[in-house]
């Protein structure tokens, strides 16, 4: 993975090492969840169903629902903000868990 992709996918510097070393995601995911207090929230009114957020999420915390809108699993989200950066319509924000 190039540095550009890593920076885009992991704007949170605490998670940079974990994202570039994908084998460590499982190992550190519990620890990361314990230290993160934020989660991504999708505004269904703004979501256009492009799934860009699903494609960029390093821990697959985002899925598309039956209405073709993104939904975030707060228990899986590691607060990396990759989806916020990737969303073309700014439908995703961060909120306290």
PDB file of N, CA and C in Angstrom:
ATOM      1  N   UNK A   1       0.848  -1.164   0.000  1.00  0.00           N
ATOM      2  CA  UNK A   1       0.000   0.000   0.000  1.00  0.00           C
ATOM      3  C   UNK A   1       0.899   1.234   0.000  1.00  0.00           C
ATOM      4  N   UNK A   2       0.597   2.218  -0.807  1.00  0.00           N
ATOM      5  CA  UNK A   2       1.439   3.409  -0.848  1.00  0.00           C
ATOM      6  C   UNK A   2       1.135   4.325   0.319  1.00  0.00           C
ATOM      7  N   UNK A   3       2.059   5.233   0.588  1.00  0.00           N
ATOM      8  CA  UNK A   3       1.862   6.178   1.689  1.00  0.00           C
ATOM      9  C   UNK A   3       0.624   7.025   1.451  1.00  0.00           C
ATOM     10  N   UNK A   4       0.373   7.426   0.202  1.00  0.00           N
ATOM     11  CA  UNK A   4      -0.797   8.237  -0.118  1.00  0.00           C
ATOM     12  C   UNK A   4      -2.082   7.524   0.290  1.00  0.00           C
ATOM     13  N   UNK A   5      -2.202   6.248  -0.043  1.00  0.00           N
ATOM     14  CA  UNK A   5      -3.394   5.486   0.318  1.00  0.00           C
ATOM     15  C   UNK A   5      -3.497   5.364   1.824  1.00  0.00           C
ATOM     16  N   UNK A   6      -2.389   5.120   2.493  1.00  0.00           N
ATOM     17  CA  UNK A   6      -2.403   4.982   3.949  1.00  0.00           C
ATOM     18  C   UNK A   6      -2.865   6.267   4.612  1.00  0.00           C
ATOM     19  N   UNK A   7      -2.374   7.393   4.143  1.00  0.00           N
ATOM     20  CA  UNK A   7      -2.772   8.663   4.735  1.00  0.00           C
ATOM     21  C   UNK A   7      -4.247   8.942   4.478  1.00  0.00           C
ATOM     22  N   UNK A   8      -4.749   8.570   3.314  1.00  0.00           N
ATOM     23  CA  UNK A   8      -6.156   8.780   2.997  1.00  0.00           C
ATOM     24  C   UNK A   8      -7.026   7.863   3.834  1.00  0.00           C
ATOM     25  N   UNK A   9      -6.583   6.660   4.058  1.00  0.00           N
ATOM     26  CA  UNK A   9      -7.383   5.699   4.812  1.00  0.00           C
ATOM     27  C   UNK A   9      -7.217   5.832   6.315  1.00  0.00           C
ATOM     28  N   UNK A  10      -6.174   6.460   6.750  1.00  0.00           N
ATOM     29  CA  UNK A  10      -5.930   6.543   8.194  1.00  0.00           C
ATOM     30  C   UNK A  10      -5.503   7.947   8.598  1.00  0.00           C
ATOM     31  N   UNK A  11      -6.408   8.918   8.494  1.00  0.00           N
ATOM     32  CA  UNK A  11      -6.032  10.268   8.897  1.00  0.00           C
ATOM     33  C   UNK A  11      -5.736  10.367  10.393  1.00  0.00           C
ATOM     34  N   UNK A  12      -6.207   9.402  11.168  1.00  0.00           N
ATOM     35  CA  UNK A  12      -5.923   9.359  12.599  1.00  0.00           C
ATOM     36  C   UNK A  12      -4.537   8.736  12.772  1.00  0.00           C
ATOM     37  N   UNK A  13      -3.519   9.520  13.185  1.00  0.00           N
ATOM     38  CA  UNK A  13      -2.147   8.990  13.222  1.00  0.00           C
ATOM     39  C   UNK A  13      -1.951   7.808  14.161  1.00  0.00           C
ATOM     40  N   UNK A  14      -2.767   7.673  15.186  1.00  0.00           N
ATOM     41  CA  UNK A  14      -2.655   6.531  16.091  1.00  0.00           C
ATOM     42  C   UNK A  14      -2.864   5.223  15.329  1.00  0.00           C
ATOM     43  N   UNK A  15      -3.713   5.246  14.329  1.00  0.00           N
ATOM     44  CA  UNK A  15      -4.056   4.032  13.606  1.00  0.00           C
ATOM     45  C   UNK A  15      -3.193   3.795  12.367  1.00  0.00           C
ATOM     46  N   UNK A  16      -2.318   4.715  12.030  1.00  0.00           N
ATOM     47  CA  UNK A  16      -1.534   4.601  10.809  1.00  0.00           C
ATOM     48  C   UNK A  16      -0.789   3.273  10.736  1.00  0.00           C
ATOM     49  N   UNK A  17      -0.102   2.884  11.784  1.00  0.00           N
ATOM     50  CA  UNK A  17       0.654   1.633  11.791  1.00  0.00           C
ATOM     51  C   UNK A  17      -0.249   0.433  11.568  1.00  0.00           C
ATOM     52  N   UNK A  18      -1.386   0.429  12.190  1.00  0.00           N
ATOM     53  CA  UNK A  18      -2.305  -0.694  12.073  1.00  0.00           C
ATOM     54  C   UNK A  18      -2.821  -0.826  10.648  1.00  0.00           C
ATOM     55  N   UNK A  19      -3.166   0.281  10.020  1.00  0.00           N
ATOM     56  CA  UNK A  19      -3.722   0.237   8.669  1.00  0.00           C
ATOM     57  C   UNK A  19      -2.683  -0.247   7.666  1.00  0.00           C
ATOM     58  N   UNK A  20      -1.445   0.221   7.758  1.00  0.00           N
ATOM     59  CA  UNK A  20      -0.460  -0.195   6.756  1.00  0.00           C
ATOM     60  C   UNK A  20       0.007  -1.625   6.972  1.00  0.00           C
ATOM     61  N   UNK A  21      -0.217  -2.151   8.133  1.00  0.00           N
ATOM     62  CA  UNK A  21       0.154  -3.528   8.413  1.00  0.00           C
ATOM     63  C   UNK A  21      -1.126  -4.321   8.651  1.00  0.00           C
ATOM     64  N   UNK A  22      -1.827  -4.643   7.581  1.00  0.00           N
ATOM     65  CA  UNK A  22      -3.165  -5.221   7.691  1.00  0.00           C
ATOM     66  C   UNK A  22      -3.217  -6.504   8.523  1.00  0.00           C
ATOM     67  N   UNK A  23      -2.117  -7.225   8.611  1.00  0.00           N
ATOM     68  CA  UNK A  23      -2.117  -8.443   9.421  1.00  0.00           C
ATOM     69  C   UNK A  23      -2.310  -8.135  10.906  1.00  0.00           C
ATOM     70  N   UNK A  24      -2.015  -6.920  11.301  1.00  0.00           N
ATOM     71  CA  UNK A  24      -2.131  -6.572  12.717  1.00  0.00           C
ATOM     72  C   UNK A  24      -3.511  -6.052  13.088  1.00  0.00           C
ATOM     73  N   UNK A  25      -4.372  -5.810  12.109  1.00  0.00           N
ATOM     74  CA  UNK A  25      -5.694  -5.257  12.408  1.00  0.00           C
ATOM     75  C   UNK A  25      -6.446  -6.137  13.397  1.00  0.00           C
ATOM     76  N   UNK A  26      -6.488  -7.425  13.166  1.00  0.00           N
ATOM     77  CA  UNK A  26      -7.203  -8.320  14.064  1.00  0.00           C
ATOM     78  C   UNK A  26      -6.570  -8.313  15.443  1.00  0.00           C
ATOM     79  N   UNK A  27      -5.270  -8.346  15.498  1.00  0.00           N
ATOM     80  CA  UNK A  27      -4.560  -8.381  16.759  1.00  0.00           C
ATOM     81  C   UNK A  27      -4.848  -7.150  17.612  1.00  0.00           C
ATOM     82  N   UNK A  28      -4.860  -5.980  16.982  1.00  0.00           N
ATOM     83  CA  UNK A  28      -5.035  -4.739  17.723  1.00  0.00           C
ATOM     84  C   UNK A  28      -6.466  -4.217  17.750  1.00  0.00           C
ATOM     85  N   UNK A  29      -7.392  -4.850  17.062  1.00  0.00           N
ATOM     86  CA  UNK A  29      -8.731  -4.279  16.955  1.00  0.00           C
ATOM     87  C   UNK A  29      -9.413  -4.109  18.300  1.00  0.00           C
ATOM     88  N   UNK A  30      -9.232  -5.041  19.213  1.00  0.00           N
ATOM     89  CA  UNK A  30      -9.849  -4.907  20.528  1.00  0.00           C
ATOM     90  C   UNK A  30      -9.252  -3.718  21.276  1.00  0.00           C
ATOM     91  N   UNK A  31      -7.950  -3.583  21.240  1.00  0.00           N
ATOM     92  CA  UNK A  31      -7.288  -2.466  21.904  1.00  0.00           C
ATOM     93  C   UNK A  31      -7.734  -1.148  21.300  1.00  0.00           C
ATOM     94  N   UNK A  32      -7.812  -1.089  19.982  1.00  0.00           N
ATOM     95  CA  UNK A  32      -8.228   0.138  19.313  1.00  0.00           C
ATOM     96  C   UNK A  32      -9.648   0.501  19.723  1.00  0.00           C
ATOM     97  N   UNK A  33     -10.540  -0.455  19.750  1.00  0.00           N
ATOM     98  CA  UNK A  33     -11.923  -0.194  20.146  1.00  0.00           C
ATOM     99  C   UNK A  33     -11.990   0.362  21.557  1.00  0.00           C
ATOM    100  N   UNK A  34     -11.098  -0.104  22.414  1.00  0.00           N
ATOM    101  CA  UNK A  34     -11.100   0.367  23.800  1.00  0.00           C
ATOM    102  C   UNK A  34     -10.639   1.815  23.910  1.00  0.00           C
ATOM    103  N   UNK A  35      -9.771   2.272  23.010  1.00  0.00           N
ATOM    104  CA  UNK A  35      -9.264   3.639  23.113  1.00  0.00           C
ATOM    105  C   UNK A  35     -10.021   4.629  22.240  1.00  0.00           C
ATOM    106  N   UNK A  36     -10.865   4.164  21.360  1.00  0.00           N
ATOM    107  CA  UNK A  36     -11.621   5.078  20.512  1.00  0.00           C
ATOM    108  C   UNK A  36     -12.958   5.390  21.150  1.00  0.00           C
ATOM    109  N   UNK A  37     -13.328   6.649  21.099  1.00  0.00           N
ATOM    110  CA  UNK A  37     -14.593   7.059  21.690  1.00  0.00           C
ATOM    111  C   UNK A  37     -15.569   7.588  20.646  1.00  0.00           C
ATOM    112  N   UNK A  38     -15.143   7.585  19.398  1.00  0.00           N
ATOM    113  CA  UNK A  38     -15.970   8.114  18.319  1.00  0.00           C
ATOM    114  C   UNK A  38     -16.390   6.981  17.381  1.00  0.00           C
ATOM    115  N   UNK A  39     -17.425   7.257  16.606  1.00  0.00           N
ATOM    116  CA  UNK A  39     -17.857   6.327  15.564  1.00  0.00           C
ATOM    117  C   UNK A  39     -18.405   7.141  14.399  1.00  0.00           C
ATOM    118  N   UNK A  40     -18.394   6.562  13.234  1.00  0.00           N
ATOM    119  CA  UNK A  40     -18.947   7.220  12.057  1.00  0.00           C
ATOM    120  C   UNK A  40     -20.473   7.129  12.085  1.00  0.00           C
ATOM    121  N   UNK A  41     -21.115   8.200  11.657  1.00  0.00           N
ATOM    122  CA  UNK A  41     -22.570   8.260  11.565  1.00  0.00           C
ATOM    123  C   UNK A  41     -22.914   8.679  10.137  1.00  0.00           C
ATOM    124  N   UNK A  42     -23.827   7.947   9.501  1.00  0.00           N
ATOM    125  CA  UNK A  42     -24.226   8.249   8.123  1.00  0.00           C
ATOM    126  C   UNK A  42     -25.578   8.947   8.134  1.00  0.00           C
ATOM    127  N   UNK A  43     -25.663  10.070   7.429  1.00  0.00           N
ATOM    128  CA  UNK A  43     -26.933  10.772   7.249  1.00  0.00           C
ATOM    129  C   UNK A  43     -27.644  10.128   6.062  1.00  0.00           C
ATOM    130  N   UNK A  44     -28.723   9.365   6.300  1.00  0.00           N
ATOM    131  CA  UNK A  44     -29.385   8.665   5.190  1.00  0.00           C
ATOM    132  C   UNK A  44     -30.001   9.606   4.161  1.00  0.00           C
ATOM    133  N   UNK A  45     -30.264  10.837   4.543  1.00  0.00           N
ATOM    134  CA  UNK A  45     -30.807  11.812   3.589  1.00  0.00           C
ATOM    135  C   UNK A  45     -29.751  12.243   2.569  1.00  0.00           C
ATOM    136  N   UNK A  46     -28.497  12.241   2.986  1.00  0.00           N
ATOM    137  CA  UNK A  46     -27.403  12.642   2.099  1.00  0.00           C
ATOM    138  C   UNK A  46     -26.787  11.473   1.351  1.00  0.00           C
ATOM    139  N   UNK A  47     -26.833  10.275   1.927  1.00  0.00           N
ATOM    140  CA  UNK A  47     -26.183   9.106   1.337  1.00  0.00           C
ATOM    141  C   UNK A  47     -26.768   8.796  -0.040  1.00  0.00           C
ATOM    142  N   UNK A  48     -25.879   8.638  -1.031  1.00  0.00           N
ATOM    143  CA  UNK A  48     -26.319   8.341  -2.402  1.00  0.00           C
ATOM    144  C   UNK A  48     -26.125   6.870  -2.762  1.00  0.00           C
ATOM    145  N   UNK A  49     -25.668   6.081  -1.808  1.00  0.00           N
ATOM    146  CA  UNK A  49     -25.529   4.645  -2.039  1.00  0.00           C
ATOM    147  C   UNK A  49     -24.378   4.239  -2.924  1.00  0.00           C
ATOM    148  N   UNK A  50     -23.322   5.037  -2.981  1.00  0.00           N
ATOM    149  CA  UNK A  50     -22.188   4.725  -3.861  1.00  0.00           C
ATOM    150  C   UNK A  50     -21.270   3.645  -3.281  1.00  0.00           C
ATOM    151  N   UNK A  51     -21.335   3.414  -1.981  1.00  0.00           N
ATOM    152  CA  UNK A  51     -20.544   2.404  -1.268  1.00  0.00           C
ATOM    153  C   UNK A  51     -19.052   2.714  -1.214  1.00  0.00           C
ATOM    154  N   UNK A  52     -18.661   3.939  -1.485  1.00  0.00           N
ATOM    155  CA  UNK A  52     -17.250   4.311  -1.378  1.00  0.00           C
ATOM    156  C   UNK A  52     -16.755   4.105   0.051  1.00  0.00           C
ATOM    157  N   UNK A  53     -17.610   4.364   1.008  1.00  0.00           N
ATOM    158  CA  UNK A  53     -17.247   4.191   2.414  1.00  0.00           C
ATOM    159  C   UNK A  53     -17.017   2.716   2.748  1.00  0.00           C
ATOM    160  N   UNK A  54     -17.812   1.866   2.193  1.00  0.00           N
ATOM    161  CA  UNK A  54     -17.647   0.416   2.415  1.00  0.00           C
ATOM    162  C   UNK A  54     -16.312  -0.059   1.860  1.00  0.00           C
ATOM    163  N   UNK A  55     -15.966   0.443   0.700  1.00  0.00           N
ATOM    164  CA  UNK A  55     -14.737   0.026   0.032  1.00  0.00           C
ATOM    165  C   UNK A  55     -13.477   0.488   0.756  1.00  0.00           C
ATOM    166  N   UNK A  56     -13.547   1.621   1.446  1.00  0.00           N
ATOM    167  CA  UNK A  56     -12.333   2.158   2.078  1.00  0.00           C
ATOM    168  C   UNK A  56     -12.202   1.787   3.540  1.00  0.00           C
ATOM    169  N   UNK A  57     -13.238   1.261   4.157  1.00  0.00           N
ATOM    170  CA  UNK A  57     -13.180   0.946   5.586  1.00  0.00           C
ATOM    171  C   UNK A  57     -12.208  -0.210   5.830  1.00  0.00           C
ATOM    172  N   UNK A  58     -11.166   0.013   6.641  1.00  0.00           N
ATOM    173  CA  UNK A  58     -10.162  -1.035   6.845  1.00  0.00           C
ATOM    174  C   UNK A  58     -10.635  -2.197   7.712  1.00  0.00           C
ATOM    175  N   UNK A  59     -11.760  -2.017   8.413  1.00  0.00           N
ATOM    176  CA  UNK A  59     -12.265  -3.088   9.284  1.00  0.00           C
ATOM    177  C   UNK A  59     -13.678  -3.524   8.899  1.00  0.00           C
ATOM    178  N   UNK A  60     -14.097  -3.167   7.703  1.00  0.00           N
ATOM    179  CA  UNK A  60     -15.425  -3.506   7.161  1.00  0.00           C
ATOM    180  C   UNK A  60     -16.555  -3.244   8.160  1.00  0.00           C
ATOM    181  N   UNK A  61     -16.544  -2.045   8.733  1.00  0.00           N
ATOM    182  CA  UNK A  61     -17.569  -1.652   9.701  1.00  0.00           C
ATOM    183  C   UNK A  61     -18.798  -1.061   9.028  1.00  0.00           C
ATOM    184  N   UNK A  62     -18.760  -0.894   7.711  1.00  0.00           N
ATOM    185  CA  UNK A  62     -19.864  -0.245   6.998  1.00  0.00           C
ATOM    186  C   UNK A  62     -20.453  -1.204   5.976  1.00  0.00           C
ATOM    187  N   UNK A  63     -21.778  -1.278   5.978  1.00  0.00           N
ATOM    188  CA  UNK A  63     -22.512  -2.108   5.019  1.00  0.00           C
ATOM    189  C   UNK A  63     -23.622  -1.283   4.395  1.00  0.00           C
ATOM    190  N   UNK A  64     -24.138  -1.775   3.288  1.00  0.00           N
ATOM    191  CA  UNK A  64     -25.284  -1.121   2.650  1.00  0.00           C
ATOM    192  C   UNK A  64     -26.549  -1.845   3.099  1.00  0.00           C
ATOM    193  N   UNK A  65     -27.590  -1.070   3.447  1.00  0.00           N
ATOM    194  CA  UNK A  65     -28.840  -1.695   3.882  1.00  0.00           C
ATOM    195  C   UNK A  65     -29.765  -1.934   2.695  1.00  0.00           C
ATOM    196  N   UNK A  66     -30.968  -2.386   2.955  1.00  0.00           N
ATOM    197  CA  UNK A  66     -31.927  -2.721   1.896  1.00  0.00           C
ATOM    198  C   UNK A  66     -32.324  -1.502   1.066  1.00  0.00           C
ATOM    199  N   UNK A  67     -32.231  -0.316   1.661  1.00  0.00           N
ATOM    200  CA  UNK A  67     -32.558   0.927   0.942  1.00  0.00           C
ATOM    201  C   UNK A  67     -31.345   1.501   0.207  1.00  0.00           C
ATOM    202  N   UNK A  68     -30.251   0.715   0.140  1.00  0.00           N
ATOM    203  CA  UNK A  68     -29.002   1.118  -0.501  1.00  0.00           C
ATOM    204  C   UNK A  68     -28.389   2.347   0.174  1.00  0.00           C
ATOM    205  N   UNK A  69     -28.481   2.374   1.492  1.00  0.00           N
ATOM    206  CA  UNK A  69     -27.871   3.425   2.295  1.00  0.00           C
ATOM    207  C   UNK A  69     -26.816   2.784   3.195  1.00  0.00           C
ATOM    208  N   UNK A  70     -25.743   3.488   3.432  1.00  0.00           N
ATOM    209  CA  UNK A  70     -24.670   2.973   4.277  1.00  0.00           C
ATOM    210  C   UNK A  70     -25.087   2.993   5.745  1.00  0.00           C
ATOM    211  N   UNK A  71     -24.721   1.932   6.449  1.00  0.00           N
ATOM    212  CA  UNK A  71     -24.921   1.881   7.895  1.00  0.00           C
ATOM    213  C   UNK A  71     -23.607   1.456   8.543  1.00  0.00           C
ATOM    214  N   UNK A  72     -23.316   2.033   9.694  1.00  0.00           N
ATOM    215  CA  UNK A  72     -22.046   1.779  10.376  1.00  0.00           C
ATOM    216  C   UNK A  72     -22.288   0.934  11.620  1.00  0.00           C
ATOM    217  N   UNK A  73     -21.485  -0.095  11.781  1.00  0.00           N
ATOM    218  CA  UNK A  73     -21.506  -0.892  12.999  1.00  0.00           C
ATOM    219  C   UNK A  73     -20.558  -0.199  13.984  1.00  0.00           C
ATOM    220  N   UNK A  74     -21.132   0.492  14.975  1.00  0.00           N
ATOM    221  CA  UNK A  74     -20.342   1.276  15.928  1.00  0.00           C
ATOM    222  C   UNK A  74     -19.391   0.405  16.742  1.00  0.00           C
ATOM    223  N   UNK A  75     -19.752  -0.846  16.954  1.00  0.00           N
ATOM    224  CA  UNK A  75     -18.883  -1.743  17.719  1.00  0.00           C
ATOM    225  C   UNK A  75     -17.628  -2.133  16.940  1.00  0.00           C
ATOM    226  N   UNK A  76     -17.709  -2.075  15.617  1.00  0.00           N
ATOM    227  CA  UNK A  76     -16.574  -2.438  14.772  1.00  0.00           C
ATOM    228  C   UNK A  76     -15.748  -1.224  14.361  1.00  0.00           C
ATOM    229  N   UNK A  77     -16.391  -0.073  14.236  1.00  0.00           N
ATOM    230  CA  UNK A  77     -15.720   1.164  13.802  1.00  0.00           C
ATOM    231  C   UNK A  77     -14.551   1.485  14.723  1.00  0.00           C
ATOM    232  N   UNK A  78     -13.388   1.805  14.119  1.00  0.00           N
ATOM    233  CA  UNK A  78     -12.183   2.113  14.901  1.00  0.00           C
ATOM    234  C   UNK A  78     -11.826   3.592  14.832  1.00  0.00           C
ATOM    235  N   UNK A  79     -12.728   4.438  14.382  1.00  0.00           N
ATOM    236  CA  UNK A  79     -12.524   5.878  14.443  1.00  0.00           C
ATOM    237  C   UNK A  79     -11.378   6.370  13.561  1.00  0.00           C
ATOM    238  N   UNK A  80     -11.132   5.709  12.445  1.00  0.00           N
ATOM    239  CA  UNK A  80     -10.017   6.124  11.579  1.00  0.00           C
ATOM    240  C   UNK A  80     -10.401   7.278  10.652  1.00  0.00           C
ATOM    241  N   UNK A  81     -11.682   7.491  10.467  1.00  0.00           N
ATOM    242  CA  UNK A  81     -12.229   8.570   9.644  1.00  0.00           C
ATOM    243  C   UNK A  81     -11.984   8.408   8.147  1.00  0.00           C
ATOM    244  N   UNK A  82     -11.598   7.239   7.712  1.00  0.00           N
ATOM    245  CA  UNK A  82     -11.381   7.007   6.282  1.00  0.00           C
ATOM    246  C   UNK A  82     -12.670   7.247   5.498  1.00  0.00           C
ATOM    247  N   UNK A  83     -13.787   6.799   6.037  1.00  0.00           N
ATOM    248  CA  UNK A  83     -15.072   6.951   5.348  1.00  0.00           C
ATOM    249  C   UNK A  83     -15.479   8.410   5.230  1.00  0.00           C
ATOM    250  N   UNK A  84     -15.165   9.201   6.250  1.00  0.00           N
ATOM    251  CA  UNK A  84     -15.484  10.633   6.218  1.00  0.00           C
ATOM    252  C   UNK A  84     -14.752  11.285   5.057  1.00  0.00           C
ATOM    253  N   UNK A  85     -13.490  10.943   4.907  1.00  0.00           N
ATOM    254  CA  UNK A  85     -12.674  11.509   3.822  1.00  0.00           C
ATOM    255  C   UNK A  85     -13.123  11.028   2.452  1.00  0.00           C
ATOM    256  N   UNK A  86     -13.589   9.802   2.382  1.00  0.00           N
ATOM    257  CA  UNK A  86     -13.921   9.177   1.099  1.00  0.00           C
ATOM    258  C   UNK A  86     -15.312   9.551   0.581  1.00  0.00           C
ATOM    259  N   UNK A  87     -16.247   9.881   1.448  1.00  0.00           N
ATOM    260  CA  UNK A  87     -17.630  10.138   1.026  1.00  0.00           C
ATOM    261  C   UNK A  87     -17.714  11.359   0.108  1.00  0.00           C
ATOM    262  N   UNK A  88     -18.225  11.177  -1.121  1.00  0.00           N
ATOM    263  CA  UNK A  88     -18.263  12.276  -2.078  1.00  0.00           C
ATOM    264  C   UNK A  88     -19.343  13.319  -1.786  1.00  0.00           C
ATOM    265  N   UNK A  89     -20.285  13.002  -0.896  1.00  0.00           N
ATOM    266  CA  UNK A  89     -21.377  13.935  -0.609  1.00  0.00           C
ATOM    267  C   UNK A  89     -21.402  14.370   0.859  1.00  0.00           C
ATOM    268  N   UNK A  90     -20.328  14.111   1.577  1.00  0.00           N
ATOM    269  CA  UNK A  90     -20.210  14.505   2.989  1.00  0.00           C
ATOM    270  C   UNK A  90     -21.386  14.012   3.837  1.00  0.00           C
ATOM    271  N   UNK A  91     -21.772  12.768   3.616  1.00  0.00           N
ATOM    272  CA  UNK A  91     -22.889  12.187   4.358  1.00  0.00           C
ATOM    273  C   UNK A  91     -22.452  11.553   5.672  1.00  0.00           C
ATOM    274  N   UNK A  92     -21.142  11.505   5.915  1.00  0.00           N
ATOM    275  CA  UNK A  92     -20.629  10.812   7.108  1.00  0.00           C
ATOM    276  C   UNK A  92     -19.919  11.796   8.014  1.00  0.00           C
ATOM    277  N   UNK A  93     -20.268  11.731   9.278  1.00  0.00           N
ATOM    278  CA  UNK A  93     -19.619  12.552  10.299  1.00  0.00           C
ATOM    279  C   UNK A  93     -19.215  11.619  11.445  1.00  0.00           C
ATOM    280  N   UNK A  94     -18.432  12.158  12.346  1.00  0.00           N
ATOM    281  CA  UNK A  94     -18.028  11.400  13.520  1.00  0.00           C
ATOM    282  C   UNK A  94     -18.835  11.877  14.723  1.00  0.00           C
ATOM    283  N   UNK A  95     -19.162  10.933  15.602  1.00  0.00           N
ATOM    284  CA  UNK A  95     -19.939  11.243  16.789  1.00  0.00           C
ATOM    285  C   UNK A  95     -19.452  10.394  17.953  1.00  0.00           C
ATOM    286  N   UNK A  96     -19.720  10.824  19.171  1.00  0.00           N
ATOM    287  CA  UNK A  96     -19.370  10.035  20.344  1.00  0.00           C
ATOM    288  C   UNK A  96     -20.104   8.701  20.296  1.00  0.00           C
ATOM    289  N   UNK A  97     -19.419   7.633  20.724  1.00  0.00           N
ATOM    290  CA  UNK A  97     -20.049   6.310  20.769  1.00  0.00           C
ATOM    291  C   UNK A  97     -21.053   6.268  21.892  1.00  0.00           C
TER     292      UNK A  97
END
